[in-house]
Protein backbone atom coordinates (compact mmCIF):
# COMPACT_ATOMS: atom_id res chain seq x y z
CA MET A 1 0.10 0.03 -0.06
CA VAL A 2 1.09 3.91 -0.68
CA ARG A 3 1.05 6.01 2.38
CA GLN A 4 -1.24 8.88 3.01
CA LEU A 5 -0.12 12.03 1.64
CA LYS A 6 0.99 14.73 4.25
CA HIS A 7 -0.87 17.74 4.16
CA HIS A 8 1.33 20.03 2.28
CA GLU A 9 2.15 17.22 0.10
CA HIS A 10 -1.77 16.84 -1.10
CA LYS A 11 -2.34 20.56 -1.65
CA LEU A 12 0.23 19.83 -4.40
CA LEU A 13 -0.94 17.68 -6.00
CA ARG A 14 -4.44 17.79 -5.76
CA LYS A 15 -4.65 18.39 -9.54
CA VAL A 16 -2.48 15.58 -10.69
CA ASP A 17 -4.15 12.56 -11.30
CA PHE A 18 -1.98 9.67 -11.45
CA PHE A 19 -3.97 6.76 -12.45
CA LYS A 20 -4.72 8.55 -16.16
CA PRO A 21 -1.63 9.01 -18.26
CA ASP A 22 -0.90 12.39 -19.75
CA THR A 23 -1.89 11.71 -23.54
CA LYS A 24 -0.57 14.92 -24.33
CA GLN A 25 3.17 14.52 -23.67
CA GLY A 26 4.08 12.07 -26.64
CA THR A 27 6.94 9.61 -26.55
CA ILE A 28 10.98 10.88 -26.70
CA ARG A 29 10.84 10.30 -30.12
CA GLN A 30 8.16 12.20 -30.66
CA ASN A 31 9.24 15.23 -28.75
CA ASP A 32 12.90 15.09 -30.19
CA VAL A 33 11.44 14.88 -33.67
CA VAL A 34 9.06 18.64 -32.33
CA ARG A 35 11.93 19.95 -30.69
CA ARG A 36 14.38 19.63 -33.78
CA TYR A 37 11.93 20.42 -36.81
CA MET A 38 9.94 23.11 -34.66
CA ILE A 39 7.11 21.81 -35.27
CA GLN A 40 4.59 23.66 -33.66
CA LYS A 41 0.84 21.62 -33.85
CA PRO A 42 0.98 18.22 -32.02
CA GLU A 43 -1.33 17.88 -35.16
CA ASP A 44 1.33 17.84 -37.84
CA TYR A 45 3.42 15.26 -36.02
CA THR A 46 -0.08 12.99 -35.89
CA SER A 47 -0.73 13.34 -39.33
CA TYR A 48 3.08 12.78 -40.66
CA ASN A 49 3.29 9.81 -38.49
CA ARG A 50 -0.32 8.27 -39.78
CA LEU A 51 0.89 9.02 -43.39
CA CYS A 52 4.35 7.33 -42.88
CA GLY A 53 1.72 3.92 -41.56
CA GLN A 54 0.03 4.07 -44.60
CA LEU A 55 2.81 4.31 -46.95
CA ARG A 56 4.31 1.43 -45.34
CA GLN A 57 1.05 -0.45 -45.03
CA LEU A 58 0.93 -0.09 -48.77
CA ALA A 59 4.34 -0.74 -49.59
CA HIS A 60 4.20 -3.73 -47.56
CA ARG A 61 0.77 -5.12 -49.86
CA LEU A 62 2.72 -4.36 -53.14
CA THR A 63 5.41 -6.56 -51.60
CA MET A 64 3.15 -9.64 -51.64
CA LEU A 65 1.65 -9.28 -54.74
CA PRO A 66 3.54 -11.07 -57.51
CA PRO A 67 6.96 -9.35 -58.89
CA ASP A 68 5.85 -9.63 -62.03
CA ASN A 69 2.11 -8.44 -61.65
CA ALA A 70 1.29 -5.37 -63.87
CA TYR A 71 -0.33 -3.82 -61.22
CA ARG A 72 2.13 -4.19 -58.76
CA LEU A 73 4.65 -2.56 -61.34
CA SER A 74 2.72 0.30 -62.19
CA THR A 75 1.86 1.12 -58.65
CA GLU A 76 5.53 1.14 -57.33
CA LYS A 77 6.61 3.35 -59.91
CA LYS A 78 4.12 5.64 -59.02
CA LEU A 79 4.65 5.79 -55.59
CA LEU A 80 8.30 5.44 -56.13
CA ASP A 81 7.79 8.91 -57.98
CA LYS A 82 5.84 10.17 -56.17
CA LEU A 83 8.14 10.56 -53.30
CA TYR A 84 11.48 11.30 -54.53
CA ASP A 85 10.02 14.14 -56.80
CA MET A 86 8.45 15.14 -52.71
CA ALA A 87 12.11 14.60 -51.65
CA ILE A 88 10.96 12.06 -48.97
CA LEU A 89 13.54 9.61 -50.64
CA SER A 90 16.49 10.78 -51.94
CA GLU A 91 16.76 8.38 -54.65
CA ARG A 92 14.66 6.36 -56.58
CA SER A 93 15.22 2.69 -55.76
CA LYS A 94 13.00 -0.13 -54.14
CA LEU A 95 10.08 -0.34 -52.55
CA SER A 96 11.56 -1.85 -49.50
CA ALA A 97 13.11 1.66 -49.22
CA VAL A 98 9.36 3.05 -48.35
CA GLU A 99 9.50 0.78 -45.36
CA ASN A 100 13.10 1.77 -44.36
CA LYS A 101 13.15 5.70 -45.22
CA VAL A 102 9.79 7.15 -44.87
CA THR A 103 10.08 8.59 -41.33
CA VAL A 104 8.20 11.29 -39.77
CA SER A 105 11.51 13.31 -39.90
CA ALA A 106 11.52 12.80 -43.94
CA PHE A 107 8.48 14.51 -43.67
CA ALA A 108 9.34 17.56 -41.74
CA ARG A 109 12.70 18.30 -43.57
CA ARG A 110 10.85 19.47 -46.05
CA ARG A 111 8.75 22.02 -44.35
CA LEU A 112 9.37 25.27 -45.56
CA ASN A 113 10.69 27.03 -41.97
CA VAL A 114 13.39 23.82 -42.46
CA ILE A 115 13.77 24.29 -46.16
CA LEU A 116 14.80 28.07 -45.08
CA THR A 117 17.09 27.80 -42.75
CA ARG A 118 18.61 24.66 -45.14
CA LEU A 119 18.63 27.48 -47.83
CA GLN A 120 20.55 29.99 -45.79
CA MET A 121 17.97 32.04 -45.90
CA ALA A 122 17.39 32.34 -42.11
CA PRO A 123 19.97 31.79 -39.18
CA ASP A 124 17.80 29.13 -37.54
CA LEU A 125 14.35 27.80 -36.88
CA LYS A 126 12.64 30.28 -35.05
CA ALA A 127 13.78 32.99 -37.43
CA ALA A 128 12.63 31.39 -40.15
CA THR A 129 9.32 30.66 -38.67
CA THR A 130 9.08 34.66 -37.43
CA PHE A 131 9.89 35.63 -41.06
CA ILE A 132 7.27 32.82 -42.77
CA GLU A 133 4.25 33.74 -40.54
CA GLY A 134 4.68 37.55 -41.00
CA GLY A 135 4.37 36.95 -44.65
CA GLN A 136 7.91 37.77 -45.92
CA VAL A 137 8.46 34.83 -47.95
CA ARG A 138 6.92 33.04 -51.04
CA VAL A 139 7.08 29.69 -52.77
CA GLY A 140 6.54 30.84 -56.62
CA THR A 141 3.98 33.40 -56.83
CA GLU A 142 2.36 32.41 -53.59
CA VAL A 143 2.89 33.95 -50.38
CA VAL A 144 3.04 31.15 -47.10
CA THR A 145 2.30 31.97 -43.84
CA ASP A 146 2.19 28.76 -42.57
CA PRO A 147 5.63 27.20 -41.73
CA ALA A 148 4.32 23.63 -42.50
CA PHE A 149 3.69 23.72 -45.86
CA LEU A 150 5.89 21.04 -47.37
CA VAL A 151 7.87 21.99 -50.22
CA THR A 152 8.57 19.62 -53.16
CA ARG A 153 11.81 19.09 -55.00
CA ASN A 154 10.83 21.50 -58.09
CA MET A 155 9.84 23.91 -56.06
CA GLU A 156 12.68 24.22 -53.77
CA ASP A 157 14.10 26.44 -56.66
CA PHE A 158 11.04 28.88 -56.28
CA VAL A 159 11.34 29.79 -52.34
CA THR A 160 12.35 33.90 -52.36
CA TRP A 161 11.48 36.80 -50.61
CA VAL A 162 8.58 38.77 -51.07
CA ASP A 163 8.92 41.68 -53.47
CA SER A 164 8.10 44.09 -51.05
CA SER A 165 10.09 42.64 -47.83
CA LYS A 166 12.66 44.64 -46.15
CA ILE A 167 14.97 41.96 -46.30
CA LYS A 168 15.31 41.37 -49.59
CA ARG A 169 15.73 45.29 -49.98
CA THR A 170 19.00 44.50 -47.31
CA ILE A 171 20.24 41.93 -48.91
CA HIS A 172 19.90 43.89 -52.39
CA ARG A 173 21.68 46.42 -50.50
CA TYR A 174 24.49 44.78 -48.90
CA ARG A 175 25.41 43.32 -52.11
CA ASP A 176 24.94 46.71 -54.42
CA LYS A 177 22.40 45.27 -56.83
CA LEU A 178 19.46 47.90 -55.04
CA ASP A 179 17.49 48.98 -58.18
CA ASP A 180 15.71 52.41 -57.49
CA PHE A 181 12.55 50.94 -59.90
CA ASP A 182 12.20 48.37 -56.98
CA LEU A 183 11.76 51.34 -54.50
CA LEU A 184 8.08 51.92 -55.89
């Protein structure tokens, strides 16, 4: 048996329920990924995790089909091409790579704030998130204000500053490329 709590212990712990586990806390791996890639919403991690599980399940079911099956070959090629184009996989390899290399971290590495940091447009993830939420960054022609925006391999080249951004103006002034027409 557990001893009775003393008065001061009971007052400190009166809002804590030891019999019901805290479901918001998450696992060690989840906390590590959330901290490393600065995932702000826990639903994002959950959706990435669910998506990884569905992809692994699809890959496993495809491997159970005969190797010369036409449906398996076409679906396998489409799946590997799509994951390569999204830059989740680094190369178009085999279906076993989907089971081994598709992780939550692979999806989190494609988030816009991580891409900004990797392109050295921001010093760290926190600054990148601030720039994105402030409307300073565009992907292609669209201004993106969500740091959870997933950037594909093709769209990575089109991540730039907004034309009216003071950061872009400061960079051009530093490089002596500031045009007076851009100031209008």
